[in-house]
Protein backbone atom coordinates (compact mmCIF):
# COMPACT_ATOMS: atom_id res chain seq x y z
CA MET A 1 -23.38 -39.21 -2.35
CA ASN A 2 -25.69 -40.76 0.20
CA GLY A 3 -26.03 -37.68 1.22
CA VAL A 4 -23.86 -38.26 4.50
CA VAL A 5 -20.65 -36.64 4.00
CA GLU A 6 -17.61 -37.07 6.17
CA LEU A 7 -15.38 -33.91 6.38
CA ASP A 8 -11.91 -34.44 7.52
CA CYS A 9 -11.24 -31.71 9.55
CA ASP A 10 -7.23 -31.51 7.94
CA CYS A 11 -9.01 -30.24 4.69
CA LYS A 12 -8.60 -26.87 5.14
CA ARG A 13 -7.73 -24.26 2.42
CA GLU A 14 -6.25 -25.89 -0.09
CA ARG A 15 -8.53 -28.39 -0.69
CA MET A 16 -11.41 -25.53 -0.04
CA ASN A 17 -9.98 -22.66 -2.39
CA VAL A 18 -10.91 -25.53 -5.51
CA MET A 19 -15.18 -26.19 -3.86
CA THR A 20 -17.72 -25.76 -5.59
CA ARG A 21 -20.83 -24.01 -4.40
CA GLU A 22 -22.91 -27.35 -4.80
CA ASP A 23 -19.96 -28.69 -2.61
CA LEU A 24 -19.86 -26.73 -0.20
CA LEU A 25 -24.28 -26.73 -0.42
CA GLU A 26 -23.56 -30.96 -0.15
CA ILE A 27 -21.53 -30.01 2.58
CA ILE A 28 -23.12 -27.54 4.48
CA ASN A 29 -26.84 -29.69 4.49
CA SER A 30 -24.44 -32.67 5.69
CA LEU A 31 -23.51 -31.38 9.06
CA ILE A 32 -27.02 -29.69 9.28
CA SER A 33 -28.65 -33.23 8.99
CA GLN A 34 -26.10 -34.16 11.29
CA GLU A 35 -26.24 -31.85 14.12
CA THR A 36 -30.35 -32.11 14.24
CA LYS A 37 -31.11 -35.67 12.85
CA ILE A 38 -33.69 -33.40 9.67
CA PRO A 39 -32.96 -35.06 6.14
CA VAL A 40 -30.29 -33.79 3.89
CA GLU A 41 -33.63 -33.94 1.41
CA ASN A 42 -35.52 -31.79 2.96
CA LEU A 43 -32.77 -29.37 3.22
CA THR A 44 -33.09 -27.00 -0.01
CA LEU A 45 -31.84 -23.31 -0.45
CA ALA A 46 -34.49 -21.80 0.84
CA ALA A 47 -34.84 -23.26 3.86
CA SER A 48 -35.06 -20.85 6.58
CA PHE A 49 -33.96 -22.20 10.37
CA LYS A 50 -37.71 -21.26 11.92
CA ASP A 51 -39.73 -23.31 9.04
CA LEU A 52 -36.91 -26.22 9.67
CA GLY A 53 -37.50 -26.18 13.53
CA ILE A 54 -33.94 -24.93 13.87
CA ASP A 55 -33.77 -22.90 17.03
CA SER A 56 -31.41 -20.33 18.48
CA LEU A 57 -29.20 -23.21 20.59
CA ASP A 58 -29.46 -25.52 17.63
CA VAL A 59 -27.99 -22.10 15.38
CA LEU A 60 -25.41 -21.77 18.45
CA LYS A 61 -24.45 -25.36 17.63
CA LEU A 62 -24.03 -25.12 14.40
CA ALA A 63 -21.88 -22.51 14.15
CA ALA A 64 -19.68 -23.87 16.22
CA ARG A 65 -19.60 -26.85 13.38
CA PHE A 66 -19.01 -25.10 10.91
CA GLU A 67 -16.25 -23.20 13.35
CA ARG A 68 -14.35 -26.60 13.07
CA GLU A 69 -15.15 -27.80 10.14
CA PHE A 70 -13.81 -25.03 8.37
CA ASN A 71 -11.34 -23.49 10.47
CA ILE A 72 -13.17 -20.22 10.65
CA LYS A 73 -14.62 -17.82 13.12
CA ILE A 74 -18.46 -16.95 12.82
CA SER A 75 -19.18 -13.57 14.91
CA THR A 76 -22.40 -12.78 16.97
CA ALA A 77 -23.30 -10.44 14.93
CA GLU A 78 -22.90 -12.17 11.67
CA LEU A 79 -24.51 -15.27 12.48
CA GLN A 80 -27.99 -13.07 13.56
CA LYS A 81 -27.46 -12.03 9.77
CA ILE A 82 -28.16 -16.00 8.42
CA GLU A 83 -31.48 -16.85 8.24
CA THR A 84 -31.60 -19.92 5.17
CA ILE A 85 -29.10 -22.41 4.35
CA SER A 86 -28.21 -20.25 1.21
CA ASP A 87 -27.37 -17.24 3.89
CA ILE A 88 -24.58 -19.77 4.90
CA VAL A 89 -23.50 -21.20 2.06
CA THR A 90 -23.43 -17.32 0.88
CA ARG A 91 -20.99 -16.18 3.42
CA LEU A 92 -19.40 -19.34 4.66
CA GLY A 93 -18.12 -18.98 0.82
CA ALA A 94 -16.96 -15.90 0.54
CA ARG A 95 -14.79 -17.19 3.58
CA ILE A 96 -13.17 -20.43 2.66
CA THR A 97 -12.19 -19.60 -0.21
CA ASN A 98 -10.18 -16.23 0.24
């Protein structure tokens, strides 16, 4: 793909159940890039928010975007445990496929 994923908010659970980890990573990276203007090419599984220059306000904006796009709720406690893109993929992946 070209680095930008237009995610249909009506995709919900049916589509999420067949999503691979790689699909989820691509969508998450696209959403992060859209919200932060960081090029998708700079986003890796091991990349931490700190290393990417993403501050706490950006994290809150990202959480809100993930909640809208994936129709989930992310608690403050859960949000505080997310430090890398890998953390996001693991935690969201477990939530949206259950």
